[in-house]
Structures are given as structure tokens and as C-alpha cells.
Amino acid sequence: MSQTQASAKYNAKTYEEIKLRVKKGQKNEIKTYAKLQGLSLNGYINKLIAEDMNRGL
């Protein structure tokens, strides 16, 4: 099994996906801002969700 196949199998077993829609051009803006924060786009979105959920408790 190739590394790519092994990663895909692990990801399918471990994670769920959420599709997010943003206006044209906004993805690159968010991605750039996330990078400035030292995060990937996914990491940045997950951080925002976690912070918001913690505030709500």
C-alpha cells in the first residue's frame, strides 16, 4: 500500500469532512491570513470553531 493510500485510509477512518462555501476570492484571503497566524486553512478554521464553542459554554 502506498503512503498516499495509507493516508487516505487513515483520514477516512479518523476524520469527518464539512464543506464550507465562501465568496470567490475569499478563500485566498482566509488562507493568507491563516498562514500569517502560523496555521493551515484547516487549522485556522478548527481553531475559530473551538474558540467560539468554548465561549458559548
PDB file of N, CA and C in Angstrom:
ATOM      1  N   MET A   1       0.856  -1.181   0.000  1.00  0.00           N
ATOM      2  CA  MET A   1       0.000   0.000   0.000  1.00  0.00           C
ATOM      3  C   MET A   1       0.900   1.242   0.000  1.00  0.00           C
ATOM      4  N   SER A   2       0.605   2.175  -0.897  1.00  0.00           N
ATOM      5  CA  SER A   2       1.414   3.390  -0.971  1.00  0.00           C
ATOM      6  C   SER A   2       1.107   4.299   0.219  1.00  0.00           C
ATOM      7  N   GLN A   3       1.991   5.236   0.453  1.00  0.00           N
ATOM      8  CA  GLN A   3       1.794   6.192   1.553  1.00  0.00           C
ATOM      9  C   GLN A   3       0.518   7.002   1.340  1.00  0.00           C
ATOM     10  N   THR A   4       0.233   7.369   0.109  1.00  0.00           N
ATOM     11  CA  THR A   4      -0.972   8.134  -0.210  1.00  0.00           C
ATOM     12  C   THR A   4      -2.224   7.328   0.125  1.00  0.00           C
ATOM     13  N   GLN A   5      -2.224   6.061  -0.234  1.00  0.00           N
ATOM     14  CA  GLN A   5      -3.366   5.209   0.056  1.00  0.00           C
ATOM     15  C   GLN A   5      -3.526   5.003   1.563  1.00  0.00           C
ATOM     16  N   ALA A   6      -2.416   4.818   2.252  1.00  0.00           N
ATOM     17  CA  ALA A   6      -2.457   4.627   3.702  1.00  0.00           C
ATOM     18  C   ALA A   6      -2.990   5.881   4.390  1.00  0.00           C
ATOM     19  N   SER A   7      -2.551   7.054   3.931  1.00  0.00           N
ATOM     20  CA  SER A   7      -3.030   8.319   4.499  1.00  0.00           C
ATOM     21  C   SER A   7      -4.521   8.493   4.252  1.00  0.00           C
ATOM     22  N   ALA A   8      -4.978   8.182   3.038  1.00  0.00           N
ATOM     23  CA  ALA A   8      -6.397   8.302   2.704  1.00  0.00           C
ATOM     24  C   ALA A   8      -7.235   7.364   3.561  1.00  0.00           C
ATOM     25  N   LYS A   9      -6.758   6.152   3.784  1.00  0.00           N
ATOM     26  CA  LYS A   9      -7.476   5.185   4.617  1.00  0.00           C
ATOM     27  C   LYS A   9      -7.555   5.678   6.065  1.00  0.00           C
ATOM     28  N   TYR A  10      -6.444   6.181   6.591  1.00  0.00           N
ATOM     29  CA  TYR A  10      -6.409   6.711   7.955  1.00  0.00           C
ATOM     30  C   TYR A  10      -7.355   7.901   8.091  1.00  0.00           C
ATOM     31  N   ASN A  11      -7.286   8.836   7.140  1.00  0.00           N
ATOM     32  CA  ASN A  11      -8.143  10.026   7.189  1.00  0.00           C
ATOM     33  C   ASN A  11      -9.621   9.651   7.134  1.00  0.00           C
ATOM     34  N   ALA A  12      -9.982   8.692   6.292  1.00  0.00           N
ATOM     35  CA  ALA A  12     -11.379   8.274   6.172  1.00  0.00           C
ATOM     36  C   ALA A  12     -11.879   7.655   7.479  1.00  0.00           C
ATOM     37  N   LYS A  13     -10.997   6.948   8.162  1.00  0.00           N
ATOM     38  CA  LYS A  13     -11.379   6.290   9.414  1.00  0.00           C
ATOM     39  C   LYS A  13     -11.404   7.259  10.590  1.00  0.00           C
ATOM     40  N   THR A  14     -10.592   8.310  10.542  1.00  0.00           N
ATOM     41  CA  THR A  14     -10.367   9.178  11.692  1.00  0.00           C
ATOM     42  C   THR A  14     -11.132  10.495  11.644  1.00  0.00           C
ATOM     43  N   TYR A  15     -11.378  11.030  10.463  1.00  0.00           N
ATOM     44  CA  TYR A  15     -11.947  12.368  10.333  1.00  0.00           C
ATOM     45  C   TYR A  15     -13.268  12.373   9.584  1.00  0.00           C
ATOM     46  N   GLU A  16     -14.038  13.434   9.811  1.00  0.00           N
ATOM     47  CA  GLU A  16     -15.226  13.729   9.026  1.00  0.00           C
ATOM     48  C   GLU A  16     -14.963  15.032   8.286  1.00  0.00           C
ATOM     49  N   GLU A  17     -15.636  15.217   7.173  1.00  0.00           N
ATOM     50  CA  GLU A  17     -15.451  16.434   6.398  1.00  0.00           C
ATOM     51  C   GLU A  17     -16.692  17.312   6.483  1.00  0.00           C
ATOM     52  N   ILE A  18     -16.463  18.610   6.484  1.00  0.00           N
ATOM     53  CA  ILE A  18     -17.532  19.605   6.423  1.00  0.00           C
ATOM     54  C   ILE A  18     -17.217  20.500   5.233  1.00  0.00           C
ATOM     55  N   LYS A  19     -18.155  20.652   4.344  1.00  0.00           N
ATOM     56  CA  LYS A  19     -17.947  21.514   3.186  1.00  0.00           C
ATOM     57  C   LYS A  19     -18.314  22.942   3.568  1.00  0.00           C
ATOM     58  N   LEU A  20     -17.453  23.876   3.248  1.00  0.00           N
ATOM     59  CA  LEU A  20     -17.657  25.281   3.572  1.00  0.00           C
ATOM     60  C   LEU A  20     -17.640  26.083   2.275  1.00  0.00           C
ATOM     61  N   ARG A  21     -18.607  26.941   2.111  1.00  0.00           N
ATOM     62  CA  ARG A  21     -18.663  27.776   0.905  1.00  0.00           C
ATOM     63  C   ARG A  21     -18.390  29.228   1.285  1.00  0.00           C
ATOM     64  N   VAL A  22     -17.513  29.864   0.521  1.00  0.00           N
ATOM     65  CA  VAL A  22     -17.203  31.278   0.702  1.00  0.00           C
ATOM     66  C   VAL A  22     -17.271  31.950  -0.659  1.00  0.00           C
ATOM     67  N   LYS A  23     -17.387  33.261  -0.663  1.00  0.00           N
ATOM     68  CA  LYS A  23     -17.452  34.005  -1.922  1.00  0.00           C
ATOM     69  C   LYS A  23     -16.123  33.907  -2.658  1.00  0.00           C
ATOM     70  N   LYS A  24     -16.192  34.044  -3.966  1.00  0.00           N
ATOM     71  CA  LYS A  24     -14.995  33.993  -4.812  1.00  0.00           C
ATOM     72  C   LYS A  24     -13.938  34.949  -4.286  1.00  0.00           C
ATOM     73  N   GLY A  25     -12.708  34.472  -4.189  1.00  0.00           N
ATOM     74  CA  GLY A  25     -11.588  35.286  -3.733  1.00  0.00           C
ATOM     75  C   GLY A  25     -11.397  35.270  -2.227  1.00  0.00           C
ATOM     76  N   GLN A  26     -12.446  34.932  -1.490  1.00  0.00           N
ATOM     77  CA  GLN A  26     -12.350  34.952  -0.038  1.00  0.00           C
ATOM     78  C   GLN A  26     -11.491  33.808   0.491  1.00  0.00           C
ATOM     79  N   LYS A  27     -11.487  32.684  -0.203  1.00  0.00           N
ATOM     80  CA  LYS A  27     -10.679  31.543   0.232  1.00  0.00           C
ATOM     81  C   LYS A  27      -9.206  31.938   0.320  1.00  0.00           C
ATOM     82  N   ASN A  28      -8.703  32.605  -0.699  1.00  0.00           N
ATOM     83  CA  ASN A  28      -7.297  33.013  -0.690  1.00  0.00           C
ATOM     84  C   ASN A  28      -7.008  34.029   0.406  1.00  0.00           C
ATOM     85  N   GLU A  29      -7.947  34.908   0.671  1.00  0.00           N
ATOM     86  CA  GLU A  29      -7.769  35.886   1.751  1.00  0.00           C
ATOM     87  C   GLU A  29      -7.669  35.170   3.100  1.00  0.00           C
ATOM     88  N   ILE A  30      -8.567  34.221   3.322  1.00  0.00           N
ATOM     89  CA  ILE A  30      -8.575  33.479   4.585  1.00  0.00           C
ATOM     90  C   ILE A  30      -7.315  32.635   4.709  1.00  0.00           C
ATOM     91  N   LYS A  31      -6.936  31.985   3.627  1.00  0.00           N
ATOM     92  CA  LYS A  31      -5.737  31.140   3.618  1.00  0.00           C
ATOM     93  C   LYS A  31      -4.488  31.964   3.929  1.00  0.00           C
ATOM     94  N   THR A  32      -4.396  33.151   3.354  1.00  0.00           N
ATOM     95  CA  THR A  32      -3.262  34.043   3.601  1.00  0.00           C
ATOM     96  C   THR A  32      -3.231  34.489   5.058  1.00  0.00           C
ATOM     97  N   TYR A  33      -4.380  34.846   5.593  1.00  0.00           N
ATOM     98  CA  TYR A  33      -4.456  35.271   6.994  1.00  0.00           C
ATOM     99  C   TYR A  33      -4.083  34.121   7.925  1.00  0.00           C
ATOM    100  N   ALA A  34      -4.575  32.928   7.617  1.00  0.00           N
ATOM    101  CA  ALA A  34      -4.241  31.748   8.427  1.00  0.00           C
ATOM    102  C   ALA A  34      -2.735  31.521   8.438  1.00  0.00           C
ATOM    103  N   LYS A  35      -2.116  31.659   7.272  1.00  0.00           N
ATOM    104  CA  LYS A  35      -0.668  31.472   7.173  1.00  0.00           C
ATOM    105  C   LYS A  35       0.078  32.495   8.034  1.00  0.00           C
ATOM    106  N   LEU A  36      -0.409  33.738   8.059  1.00  0.00           N
ATOM    107  CA  LEU A  36       0.196  34.773   8.901  1.00  0.00           C
ATOM    108  C   LEU A  36       0.098  34.409  10.387  1.00  0.00           C
ATOM    109  N   GLN A  37      -0.931  33.627  10.735  1.00  0.00           N
ATOM    110  CA  GLN A  37      -1.117  33.182  12.114  1.00  0.00           C
ATOM    111  C   GLN A  37      -0.332  31.907  12.401  1.00  0.00           C
ATOM    112  N   GLY A  38       0.370  31.394  11.388  1.00  0.00           N
ATOM    113  CA  GLY A  38       1.153  30.171  11.541  1.00  0.00           C
ATOM    114  C   GLY A  38       0.306  28.912  11.469  1.00  0.00           C
ATOM    115  N   LEU A  39      -0.850  29.015  10.812  1.00  0.00           N
ATOM    116  CA  LEU A  39      -1.768  27.889  10.729  1.00  0.00           C
ATOM    117  C   LEU A  39      -2.116  27.564   9.286  1.00  0.00           C
ATOM    118  N   SER A  40      -2.519  26.322   9.073  1.00  0.00           N
ATOM    119  CA  SER A  40      -3.085  25.946   7.781  1.00  0.00           C
ATOM    120  C   SER A  40      -4.514  26.481   7.738  1.00  0.00           C
ATOM    121  N   LEU A  41      -5.122  26.460   6.584  1.00  0.00           N
ATOM    122  CA  LEU A  41      -6.511  26.888   6.457  1.00  0.00           C
ATOM    123  C   LEU A  41      -7.397  26.032   7.353  1.00  0.00           C
ATOM    124  N   ASN A  42      -7.203  24.727   7.307  1.00  0.00           N
ATOM    125  CA  ASN A  42      -7.982  23.813   8.139  1.00  0.00           C
ATOM    126  C   ASN A  42      -7.739  24.071   9.624  1.00  0.00           C
ATOM    127  N   GLY A  43      -6.487  24.249   9.993  1.00  0.00           N
ATOM    128  CA  GLY A  43      -6.153  24.524  11.387  1.00  0.00           C
ATOM    129  C   GLY A  43      -6.778  25.814  11.885  1.00  0.00           C
ATOM    130  N   TYR A  44      -6.768  26.825  11.036  1.00  0.00           N
ATOM    131  CA  TYR A  44      -7.354  28.119  11.392  1.00  0.00           C
ATOM    132  C   TYR A  44      -8.864  28.001  11.614  1.00  0.00           C
ATOM    133  N   ILE A  45      -9.544  27.327  10.707  1.00  0.00           N
ATOM    134  CA  ILE A  45     -10.989  27.157  10.835  1.00  0.00           C
ATOM    135  C   ILE A  45     -11.315  26.353  12.090  1.00  0.00           C
ATOM    136  N   ASN A  46     -10.584  25.278  12.332  1.00  0.00           N
ATOM    137  CA  ASN A  46     -10.816  24.478  13.536  1.00  0.00           C
ATOM    138  C   ASN A  46     -10.567  25.279  14.809  1.00  0.00           C
ATOM    139  N   LYS A  47      -9.538  26.135  14.792  1.00  0.00           N
ATOM    140  CA  LYS A  47      -9.231  26.992  15.949  1.00  0.00           C
ATOM    141  C   LYS A  47     -10.391  27.944  16.213  1.00  0.00           C
ATOM    142  N   LEU A  48     -10.911  28.581  15.172  1.00  0.00           N
ATOM    143  CA  LEU A  48     -12.036  29.501  15.330  1.00  0.00           C
ATOM    144  C   LEU A  48     -13.271  28.794  15.881  1.00  0.00           C
ATOM    145  N   ILE A  49     -13.547  27.618  15.378  1.00  0.00           N
ATOM    146  CA  ILE A  49     -14.708  26.858  15.856  1.00  0.00           C
ATOM    147  C   ILE A  49     -14.534  26.507  17.323  1.00  0.00           C
ATOM    148  N   ALA A  50     -13.360  26.012  17.700  1.00  0.00           N
ATOM    149  CA  ALA A  50     -13.103  25.618  19.088  1.00  0.00           C
ATOM    150  C   ALA A  50     -13.222  26.826  20.026  1.00  0.00           C
ATOM    151  N   GLU A  51     -12.653  27.960  19.626  1.00  0.00           N
ATOM    152  CA  GLU A  51     -12.730  29.167  20.453  1.00  0.00           C
ATOM    153  C   GLU A  51     -14.180  29.621  20.617  1.00  0.00           C
ATOM    154  N   ASP A  52     -14.943  29.599  19.549  1.00  0.00           N
ATOM    155  CA  ASP A  52     -16.332  30.030  19.618  1.00  0.00           C
ATOM    156  C   ASP A  52     -17.159  29.085  20.487  1.00  0.00           C
ATOM    157  N   MET A  53     -16.927  27.796  20.357  1.00  0.00           N
ATOM    158  CA  MET A  53     -17.670  26.837  21.156  1.00  0.00           C
ATOM    159  C   MET A  53     -17.308  26.951  22.639  1.00  0.00           C
ATOM    160  N   ASN A  54     -16.051  27.237  22.938  1.00  0.00           N
ATOM    161  CA  ASN A  54     -15.636  27.403  24.330  1.00  0.00           C
ATOM    162  C   ASN A  54     -16.244  28.660  24.948  1.00  0.00           C
ATOM    163  N   ARG A  55     -16.400  29.710  24.171  1.00  0.00           N
ATOM    164  CA  ARG A  55     -17.036  30.945  24.661  1.00  0.00           C
ATOM    165  C   ARG A  55     -18.504  30.714  24.955  1.00  0.00           C
ATOM    166  N   GLY A  56     -19.122  29.826  24.214  1.00  0.00           N
ATOM    167  CA  GLY A  56     -20.543  29.584  24.360  1.00  0.00           C
ATOM    168  C   GLY A  56     -20.909  28.760  25.582  1.00  0.00           C
ATOM    169  N   LEU A  57     -19.919  28.163  26.218  1.00  0.00           N
ATOM    170  CA  LEU A  57     -20.220  27.298  27.378  1.00  0.00           C
ATOM    171  C   LEU A  57     -20.411  28.058  28.646  1.00  0.00           C
TER     172      LEU A  57
END
